[in-house]
């Protein structure tokens, strides 16, 4: 069953075709990889899905709802969360406060209730803190809750972004190069975390240059090159596909 469908999507930047008629389905409940060389259009596709960019042609459907052109905050409220290739945290806020920001879309108390500290608002705030702490413990950051985000190691900042995304209660979490800057030990732990996220029933969509991570974690992979889809299938199919090998390693003519 498809959770997300990207259908004939096109995105131009001036005269450049960044995404060229790309179509794929993300199955519900699995780990889906979107890979390709630098400049292939992977992050652009993510930005189109999450509403950060407006597509020029095509459509995007999530849970049978057309979300084409939908504003980012509405996409999050529907159940799509993401992390970023370049870490985006509130660096001078605590780790806990960063995760609470992710939960904010699920809170219903208004400004008046917050100012008056009404019972319902206080109860909702306690639930928010409980959910945020649960996500921090899930990613291994529970002991860091009171630290400032900027004081975390680079690897833990990556985990904090994932914690914040999980706090929004997503059905689909999109991870843009989550292993970037991580050492081998941290990457191994990240693979375990991604599998545990999947085991919670959350679909994972992954951009990653670390091919060993992709092959260990992903169940289905789409490969882009120059904005076009050149291959799709299981890790076993992808790693032996001549078009994929040429895209990553080049052809003999290129070498000449």
C-alpha atoms as a PDB file:
ATOM      1  CA  UNK A   1       0.000   0.000   0.000  1.00  0.00           C
ATOM      2  CA  UNK A   2       1.331   3.429  -0.984  1.00  0.00           C
ATOM      3  CA  UNK A   3       1.618   6.084   1.722  1.00  0.00           C
ATOM      4  CA  UNK A   4       3.077   8.775  -0.540  1.00  0.00           C
ATOM      5  CA  UNK A   5       2.940   9.162  -4.316  1.00  0.00           C
ATOM      6  CA  UNK A   6       5.162  11.555  -6.257  1.00  0.00           C
ATOM      7  CA  UNK A   7       3.629  11.774  -9.733  1.00  0.00           C
ATOM      8  CA  UNK A   8       5.286  13.262 -12.841  1.00  0.00           C
ATOM      9  CA  UNK A   9       6.910  15.994 -10.747  1.00  0.00           C
ATOM     10  CA  UNK A  10       8.878  18.760 -12.452  1.00  0.00           C
ATOM     11  CA  UNK A  11      10.805  21.626 -10.843  1.00  0.00           C
ATOM     12  CA  UNK A  12      12.636  24.399 -12.699  1.00  0.00           C
ATOM     13  CA  UNK A  13      15.152  26.869 -11.305  1.00  0.00           C
ATOM     14  CA  UNK A  14      15.369  29.435 -14.086  1.00  0.00           C
ATOM     15  CA  UNK A  15      16.491  27.482 -17.156  1.00  0.00           C
ATOM     16  CA  UNK A  16      17.661  24.494 -15.101  1.00  0.00           C
ATOM     17  CA  UNK A  17      15.436  21.432 -14.803  1.00  0.00           C
ATOM     18  CA  UNK A  18      16.218  20.283 -11.247  1.00  0.00           C
ATOM     19  CA  UNK A  19      13.572  17.523 -11.168  1.00  0.00           C
ATOM     20  CA  UNK A  20      12.483  16.099 -14.504  1.00  0.00           C
ATOM     21  CA  UNK A  21       9.183  14.166 -14.614  1.00  0.00           C
ATOM     22  CA  UNK A  22       9.905  11.994 -11.564  1.00  0.00           C
ATOM     23  CA  UNK A  23       7.355   9.420 -10.382  1.00  0.00           C
ATOM     24  CA  UNK A  24       7.564   6.951  -7.492  1.00  0.00           C
ATOM     25  CA  UNK A  25       5.530   5.487  -4.636  1.00  0.00           C
ATOM     26  CA  UNK A  26       6.669   5.230  -1.013  1.00  0.00           C
ATOM     27  CA  UNK A  27       5.172   2.061   0.547  1.00  0.00           C
ATOM     28  CA  UNK A  28       3.504   2.402   3.926  1.00  0.00           C
ATOM     29  CA  UNK A  29       5.536   1.122   6.871  1.00  0.00           C
ATOM     30  CA  UNK A  30       8.945   0.612   5.267  1.00  0.00           C
ATOM     31  CA  UNK A  31      12.295   2.332   4.770  1.00  0.00           C
ATOM     32  CA  UNK A  32      12.599   4.021   1.385  1.00  0.00           C
ATOM     33  CA  UNK A  33      15.856   5.383  -0.032  1.00  0.00           C
ATOM     34  CA  UNK A  34      16.292   8.238  -2.514  1.00  0.00           C
ATOM     35  CA  UNK A  35      19.884   8.276  -3.733  1.00  0.00           C
ATOM     36  CA  UNK A  36      22.036   9.668  -6.524  1.00  0.00           C
ATOM     37  CA  UNK A  37      25.202  11.677  -7.183  1.00  0.00           C
ATOM     38  CA  UNK A  38      25.589  15.275  -6.013  1.00  0.00           C
ATOM     39  CA  UNK A  39      23.191  17.548  -7.878  1.00  0.00           C
ATOM     40  CA  UNK A  40      20.839  14.715  -8.793  1.00  0.00           C
ATOM     41  CA  UNK A  41      17.793  16.536  -7.354  1.00  0.00           C
ATOM     42  CA  UNK A  42      17.260  14.486  -4.199  1.00  0.00           C
ATOM     43  CA  UNK A  43      16.890  17.328  -1.691  1.00  0.00           C
ATOM     44  CA  UNK A  44      14.777  19.272  -4.186  1.00  0.00           C
ATOM     45  CA  UNK A  45      12.321  16.351  -4.241  1.00  0.00           C
ATOM     46  CA  UNK A  46      12.219  16.402  -0.424  1.00  0.00           C
ATOM     47  CA  UNK A  47      11.573  20.148  -0.468  1.00  0.00           C
ATOM     48  CA  UNK A  48       8.715  19.670  -2.926  1.00  0.00           C
ATOM     49  CA  UNK A  49       7.119  16.991  -0.741  1.00  0.00           C
ATOM     50  CA  UNK A  50       7.319  19.128   2.411  1.00  0.00           C
ATOM     51  CA  UNK A  51       6.122  22.357   0.786  1.00  0.00           C
ATOM     52  CA  UNK A  52       9.429  24.215   1.008  1.00  0.00           C
ATOM     53  CA  UNK A  53       9.392  24.502  -2.807  1.00  0.00           C
ATOM     54  CA  UNK A  54       6.433  24.787  -5.165  1.00  0.00           C
ATOM     55  CA  UNK A  55       6.485  22.301  -8.021  1.00  0.00           C
ATOM     56  CA  UNK A  56       5.982  23.415 -11.626  1.00  0.00           C
ATOM     57  CA  UNK A  57       4.224  20.279 -12.892  1.00  0.00           C
ATOM     58  CA  UNK A  58       2.857  17.056 -11.442  1.00  0.00           C
ATOM     59  CA  UNK A  59       1.309  16.319  -8.083  1.00  0.00           C
ATOM     60  CA  UNK A  60       2.081  14.813  -4.675  1.00  0.00           C
ATOM     61  CA  UNK A  61      -0.412  12.638  -2.796  1.00  0.00           C
ATOM     62  CA  UNK A  62      -0.123  11.659   0.889  1.00  0.00           C
ATOM     63  CA  UNK A  63      -2.627   9.278   2.472  1.00  0.00           C
ATOM     64  CA  UNK A  64      -4.873   9.702  -0.583  1.00  0.00           C
ATOM     65  CA  UNK A  65      -4.872  13.505  -0.132  1.00  0.00           C
ATOM     66  CA  UNK A  66      -3.445  15.788  -2.793  1.00  0.00           C
ATOM     67  CA  UNK A  67      -0.914  17.962  -0.949  1.00  0.00           C
ATOM     68  CA  UNK A  68       0.471  19.681  -4.056  1.00  0.00           C
ATOM     69  CA  UNK A  69       1.335  23.282  -3.177  1.00  0.00           C
ATOM     70  CA  UNK A  70       0.243  22.877   0.448  1.00  0.00           C
ATOM     71  CA  UNK A  71       1.931  25.145   2.996  1.00  0.00           C
ATOM     72  CA  UNK A  72       4.678  23.569   5.094  1.00  0.00           C
ATOM     73  CA  UNK A  73       2.900  23.804   8.445  1.00  0.00           C
ATOM     74  CA  UNK A  74      -0.138  22.027   6.989  1.00  0.00           C
ATOM     75  CA  UNK A  75       2.059  19.264   5.587  1.00  0.00           C
ATOM     76  CA  UNK A  76       3.549  18.756   9.070  1.00  0.00           C
ATOM     77  CA  UNK A  77       0.082  18.700  10.646  1.00  0.00           C
ATOM     78  CA  UNK A  78      -0.977  15.977   8.184  1.00  0.00           C
ATOM     79  CA  UNK A  79       1.883  13.769   9.364  1.00  0.00           C
ATOM     80  CA  UNK A  80       5.063  14.458   7.365  1.00  0.00           C
ATOM     81  CA  UNK A  81       8.123  15.466   9.387  1.00  0.00           C
ATOM     82  CA  UNK A  82      11.693  16.021   8.225  1.00  0.00           C
ATOM     83  CA  UNK A  83      15.275  16.735   9.149  1.00  0.00           C
ATOM     84  CA  UNK A  84      17.646  18.844   7.086  1.00  0.00           C
ATOM     85  CA  UNK A  85      20.920  18.293   5.264  1.00  0.00           C
ATOM     86  CA  UNK A  86      22.319  21.295   7.134  1.00  0.00           C
ATOM     87  CA  UNK A  87      21.305  21.036  10.794  1.00  0.00           C
ATOM     88  CA  UNK A  88      18.605  23.526  11.782  1.00  0.00           C
ATOM     89  CA  UNK A  89      18.184  23.782  15.528  1.00  0.00           C
ATOM     90  CA  UNK A  90      17.356  26.557  17.986  1.00  0.00           C
ATOM     91  CA  UNK A  91      20.948  26.616  19.188  1.00  0.00           C
ATOM     92  CA  UNK A  92      20.414  28.817  22.260  1.00  0.00           C
ATOM     93  CA  UNK A  93      17.398  26.858  23.469  1.00  0.00           C
ATOM     94  CA  UNK A  94      17.589  23.700  25.518  1.00  0.00           C
ATOM     95  CA  UNK A  95      17.424  20.232  23.994  1.00  0.00           C
ATOM     96  CA  UNK A  96      13.990  19.738  25.568  1.00  0.00           C
ATOM     97  CA  UNK A  97      12.705  23.068  24.225  1.00  0.00           C
ATOM     98  CA  UNK A  98      13.818  22.107  20.720  1.00  0.00           C
ATOM     99  CA  UNK A  99      11.786  18.901  20.867  1.00  0.00           C
ATOM    100  CA  UNK A 100       8.783  20.727  22.332  1.00  0.00           C
ATOM    101  CA  UNK A 101       8.860  22.931  19.225  1.00  0.00           C
ATOM    102  CA  UNK A 102       8.234  19.790  17.190  1.00  0.00           C
ATOM    103  CA  UNK A 103       5.222  18.856  19.320  1.00  0.00           C
ATOM    104  CA  UNK A 104       3.686  22.329  18.999  1.00  0.00           C
ATOM    105  CA  UNK A 105       1.608  21.361  15.930  1.00  0.00           C
ATOM    106  CA  UNK A 106      -0.316  18.849  18.072  1.00  0.00           C
ATOM    107  CA  UNK A 107      -1.264  21.366  20.798  1.00  0.00           C
ATOM    108  CA  UNK A 108      -4.743  22.890  20.784  1.00  0.00           C
ATOM    109  CA  UNK A 109      -4.696  25.452  23.611  1.00  0.00           C
ATOM    110  CA  UNK A 110      -4.858  29.039  22.414  1.00  0.00           C
ATOM    111  CA  UNK A 111      -3.014  32.154  23.528  1.00  0.00           C
ATOM    112  CA  UNK A 112      -5.683  33.124  26.090  1.00  0.00           C
ATOM    113  CA  UNK A 113      -5.550  29.721  27.787  1.00  0.00           C
ATOM    114  CA  UNK A 114      -1.758  29.961  27.914  1.00  0.00           C
ATOM    115  CA  UNK A 115      -1.792  33.461  29.434  1.00  0.00           C
ATOM    116  CA  UNK A 116      -4.385  32.485  32.046  1.00  0.00           C
ATOM    117  CA  UNK A 117      -2.709  29.142  32.732  1.00  0.00           C
ATOM    118  CA  UNK A 118      -6.045  27.331  32.536  1.00  0.00           C
ATOM    119  CA  UNK A 119      -6.174  23.696  33.765  1.00  0.00           C
ATOM    120  CA  UNK A 120      -6.563  22.246  30.265  1.00  0.00           C
ATOM    121  CA  UNK A 121      -3.562  24.212  29.046  1.00  0.00           C
ATOM    122  CA  UNK A 122      -1.405  23.070  31.980  1.00  0.00           C
ATOM    123  CA  UNK A 123      -2.424  19.446  31.385  1.00  0.00           C
ATOM    124  CA  UNK A 124      -1.588  19.754  27.700  1.00  0.00           C
ATOM    125  CA  UNK A 125       1.788  21.257  28.576  1.00  0.00           C
ATOM    126  CA  UNK A 126       2.550  18.297  30.866  1.00  0.00           C
ATOM    127  CA  UNK A 127       1.628  15.895  28.054  1.00  0.00           C
ATOM    128  CA  UNK A 128       3.903  17.805  25.690  1.00  0.00           C
ATOM    129  CA  UNK A 129       6.860  17.586  28.069  1.00  0.00           C
ATOM    130  CA  UNK A 130       6.180  13.882  28.612  1.00  0.00           C
ATOM    131  CA  UNK A 131       6.095  13.227  24.860  1.00  0.00           C
ATOM    132  CA  UNK A 132       9.252  15.276  24.278  1.00  0.00           C
ATOM    133  CA  UNK A 133      11.142  13.411  27.004  1.00  0.00           C
ATOM    134  CA  UNK A 134       9.957  10.076  25.618  1.00  0.00           C
ATOM    135  CA  UNK A 135      11.401  10.957  22.205  1.00  0.00           C
ATOM    136  CA  UNK A 136      14.681  12.078  23.776  1.00  0.00           C
ATOM    137  CA  UNK A 137      14.992   8.784  25.628  1.00  0.00           C
ATOM    138  CA  UNK A 138      14.126   6.957  22.398  1.00  0.00           C
ATOM    139  CA  UNK A 139      17.038   8.596  20.557  1.00  0.00           C
ATOM    140  CA  UNK A 140      19.417   8.315  23.529  1.00  0.00           C
ATOM    141  CA  UNK A 141      19.393  12.007  24.501  1.00  0.00           C
ATOM    142  CA  UNK A 142      17.302  11.814  27.664  1.00  0.00           C
ATOM    143  CA  UNK A 143      20.212  12.854  29.890  1.00  0.00           C
ATOM    144  CA  UNK A 144      20.881  15.918  27.688  1.00  0.00           C
ATOM    145  CA  UNK A 145      17.424  17.503  28.065  1.00  0.00           C
ATOM    146  CA  UNK A 146      18.572  20.611  29.955  1.00  0.00           C
ATOM    147  CA  UNK A 147      21.700  21.247  27.889  1.00  0.00           C
ATOM    148  CA  UNK A 148      21.730  23.923  25.213  1.00  0.00           C
ATOM    149  CA  UNK A 149      21.419  22.478  21.727  1.00  0.00           C
ATOM    150  CA  UNK A 150      24.614  24.219  20.608  1.00  0.00           C
ATOM    151  CA  UNK A 151      26.604  22.337  23.256  1.00  0.00           C
ATOM    152  CA  UNK A 152      25.761  18.903  21.848  1.00  0.00           C
ATOM    153  CA  UNK A 153      28.229  17.002  19.698  1.00  0.00           C
ATOM    154  CA  UNK A 154      27.574  17.080  15.958  1.00  0.00           C
ATOM    155  CA  UNK A 155      26.218  13.521  15.994  1.00  0.00           C
ATOM    156  CA  UNK A 156      23.885  14.289  18.885  1.00  0.00           C
ATOM    157  CA  UNK A 157      22.612  17.398  17.118  1.00  0.00           C
ATOM    158  CA  UNK A 158      21.591  15.102  14.279  1.00  0.00           C
ATOM    159  CA  UNK A 159      19.752  12.922  16.804  1.00  0.00           C
ATOM    160  CA  UNK A 160      18.081  15.997  18.287  1.00  0.00           C
ATOM    161  CA  UNK A 161      16.668  16.903  14.877  1.00  0.00           C
ATOM    162  CA  UNK A 162      15.252  13.386  14.611  1.00  0.00           C
ATOM    163  CA  UNK A 163      13.787  13.664  18.133  1.00  0.00           C
ATOM    164  CA  UNK A 164      12.079  16.927  17.204  1.00  0.00           C
ATOM    165  CA  UNK A 165      10.656  15.416  14.029  1.00  0.00           C
ATOM    166  CA  UNK A 166       9.328  12.380  15.910  1.00  0.00           C
ATOM    167  CA  UNK A 167       7.626  14.643  18.463  1.00  0.00           C
ATOM    168  CA  UNK A 168       5.298  15.928  15.724  1.00  0.00           C
ATOM    169  CA  UNK A 169       3.757  12.426  15.587  1.00  0.00           C
ATOM    170  CA  UNK A 170       4.483  11.755  11.905  1.00  0.00           C
ATOM    171  CA  UNK A 171       3.313   8.936   9.685  1.00  0.00           C
ATOM    172  CA  UNK A 172       6.281   9.673   7.405  1.00  0.00           C
ATOM    173  CA  UNK A 173       9.666  10.972   8.542  1.00  0.00           C
ATOM    174  CA  UNK A 174      12.043  12.300   5.887  1.00  0.00           C
ATOM    175  CA  UNK A 175      15.742  12.194   6.790  1.00  0.00           C
ATOM    176  CA  UNK A 176      18.088  14.264   4.621  1.00  0.00           C
ATOM    177  CA  UNK A 177      21.611  12.828   4.974  1.00  0.00           C
ATOM    178  CA  UNK A 178      21.268  11.989   8.692  1.00  0.00           C
ATOM    179  CA  UNK A 179      24.693  10.291   8.805  1.00  0.00           C
ATOM    180  CA  UNK A 180      26.499  13.385   7.497  1.00  0.00           C
ATOM    181  CA  UNK A 181      29.465  14.123   9.776  1.00  0.00           C
ATOM    182  CA  UNK A 182      28.964  10.986  11.867  1.00  0.00           C
ATOM    183  CA  UNK A 183      31.742   8.527  12.656  1.00  0.00           C
ATOM    184  CA  UNK A 184      31.427   4.778  12.053  1.00  0.00           C
ATOM    185  CA  UNK A 185      30.139   4.031  15.562  1.00  0.00           C
ATOM    186  CA  UNK A 186      27.507   6.794  15.337  1.00  0.00           C
ATOM    187  CA  UNK A 187      26.444   5.599  11.881  1.00  0.00           C
ATOM    188  CA  UNK A 188      25.937   2.047  13.131  1.00  0.00           C
ATOM    189  CA  UNK A 189      23.790   3.392  15.977  1.00  0.00           C
ATOM    190  CA  UNK A 190      21.850   5.488  13.458  1.00  0.00           C
ATOM    191  CA  UNK A 191      20.977   2.405  11.400  1.00  0.00           C
ATOM    192  CA  UNK A 192      19.595   0.796  14.564  1.00  0.00           C
ATOM    193  CA  UNK A 193      17.583   3.957  15.314  1.00  0.00           C
ATOM    194  CA  UNK A 194      16.108   4.042  11.799  1.00  0.00           C
ATOM    195  CA  UNK A 195      15.041   0.412  12.139  1.00  0.00           C
ATOM    196  CA  UNK A 196      13.442   1.149  15.517  1.00  0.00           C
ATOM    197  CA  UNK A 197      11.560   4.093  13.996  1.00  0.00           C
ATOM    198  CA  UNK A 198      10.250   1.769  11.285  1.00  0.00           C
ATOM    199  CA  UNK A 199       9.243  -0.745  13.950  1.00  0.00           C
ATOM    200  CA  UNK A 200       7.064   1.956  15.553  1.00  0.00           C
ATOM    201  CA  UNK A 201       5.001   1.962  12.356  1.00  0.00           C
ATOM    202  CA  UNK A 202       6.512   5.193  11.022  1.00  0.00           C
ATOM    203  CA  UNK A 203       7.545   5.140   7.370  1.00  0.00           C
ATOM    204  CA  UNK A 204      11.095   6.399   6.794  1.00  0.00           C
ATOM    205  CA  UNK A 205      12.272   8.169   3.645  1.00  0.00           C
ATOM    206  CA  UNK A 206      16.015   8.599   3.445  1.00  0.00           C
ATOM    207  CA  UNK A 207      18.572  10.556   1.421  1.00  0.00           C
ATOM    208  CA  UNK A 208      22.066   9.346   2.217  1.00  0.00           C
ATOM    209  CA  UNK A 209      25.516   9.273   0.576  1.00  0.00           C
ATOM    210  CA  UNK A 210      26.729   6.487   2.864  1.00  0.00           C
ATOM    211  CA  UNK A 211      25.914   3.554   0.613  1.00  0.00           C
ATOM    212  CA  UNK A 212      26.600   0.951   3.294  1.00  0.00           C
ATOM    213  CA  UNK A 213      23.920   2.603   5.451  1.00  0.00           C
ATOM    214  CA  UNK A 214      21.479   2.695   2.523  1.00  0.00           C
ATOM    215  CA  UNK A 215      22.044  -0.966   1.687  1.00  0.00           C
ATOM    216  CA  UNK A 216      21.674  -2.028   5.331  1.00  0.00           C
ATOM    217  CA  UNK A 217      18.577   0.005   6.134  1.00  0.00           C
ATOM    218  CA  UNK A 218      16.508   0.538   2.980  1.00  0.00           C
ATOM    219  CA  UNK A 219      14.003  -1.923   1.591  1.00  0.00           C
ATOM    220  CA  UNK A 220      13.243  -0.019  -1.610  1.00  0.00           C
ATOM    221  CA  UNK A 221      15.402   2.538  -3.426  1.00  0.00           C
ATOM    222  CA  UNK A 222      14.931   5.113  -6.188  1.00  0.00           C
ATOM    223  CA  UNK A 223      18.006   6.507  -7.945  1.00  0.00           C
ATOM    224  CA  UNK A 224      18.117   9.983  -9.511  1.00  0.00           C
ATOM    225  CA  UNK A 225      20.664  11.460 -11.893  1.00  0.00           C
ATOM    226  CA  UNK A 226      20.437  14.992 -13.321  1.00  0.00           C
ATOM    227  CA  UNK A 227      16.891  15.223 -12.008  1.00  0.00           C
ATOM    228  CA  UNK A 228      15.681  12.057 -13.748  1.00  0.00           C
ATOM    229  CA  UNK A 229      14.832   8.670 -12.251  1.00  0.00           C
ATOM    230  CA  UNK A 230      17.270   6.123 -13.673  1.00  0.00           C
ATOM    231  CA  UNK A 231      16.570   3.074 -11.502  1.00  0.00           C
ATOM    232  CA  UNK A 232      14.225   1.677  -8.855  1.00  0.00           C
ATOM    233  CA  UNK A 233      14.110  -1.521  -6.834  1.00  0.00           C
ATOM    234  CA  UNK A 234      15.510  -3.444  -3.895  1.00  0.00           C
ATOM    235  CA  UNK A 235      19.089  -2.861  -2.685  1.00  0.00           C
ATOM    236  CA  UNK A 236      20.168  -6.055  -4.469  1.00  0.00           C
ATOM    237  CA  UNK A 237      18.742  -4.798  -7.777  1.00  0.00           C
ATOM    238  CA  UNK A 238      20.121  -1.279  -7.378  1.00  0.00           C
ATOM    239  CA  UNK A 239      23.711  -2.189  -6.514  1.00  0.00           C
ATOM    240  CA  UNK A 240      24.047  -4.282  -9.687  1.00  0.00           C
ATOM    241  CA  UNK A 241      22.235  -1.904 -12.068  1.00  0.00           C
ATOM    242  CA  UNK A 242      24.647  -0.711 -14.819  1.00  0.00           C
ATOM    243  CA  UNK A 243      23.035   2.759 -14.963  1.00  0.00           C
ATOM    244  CA  UNK A 244      23.558   3.222 -11.217  1.00  0.00           C
ATOM    245  CA  UNK A 245      27.155   2.013 -11.377  1.00  0.00           C
ATOM    246  CA  UNK A 246      27.874   4.413 -14.232  1.00  0.00           C
ATOM    247  CA  UNK A 247      26.162   7.327 -12.421  1.00  0.00           C
ATOM    248  CA  UNK A 248      28.358   6.865  -9.360  1.00  0.00           C
ATOM    249  CA  UNK A 249      31.600   5.655 -10.922  1.00  0.00           C
ATOM    250  CA  UNK A 250      31.480   7.066 -14.449  1.00  0.00           C
ATOM    251  CA  UNK A 251      31.955   5.238 -17.738  1.00  0.00           C
ATOM    252  CA  UNK A 252      35.134   4.364 -19.561  1.00  0.00           C
ATOM    253  CA  UNK A 253      34.420   7.190 -21.990  1.00  0.00           C
ATOM    254  CA  UNK A 254      34.279   9.624 -19.070  1.00  0.00           C
ATOM    255  CA  UNK A 255      37.704   8.460 -17.943  1.00  0.00           C
ATOM    256  CA  UNK A 256      39.084   8.901 -21.438  1.00  0.00           C
END
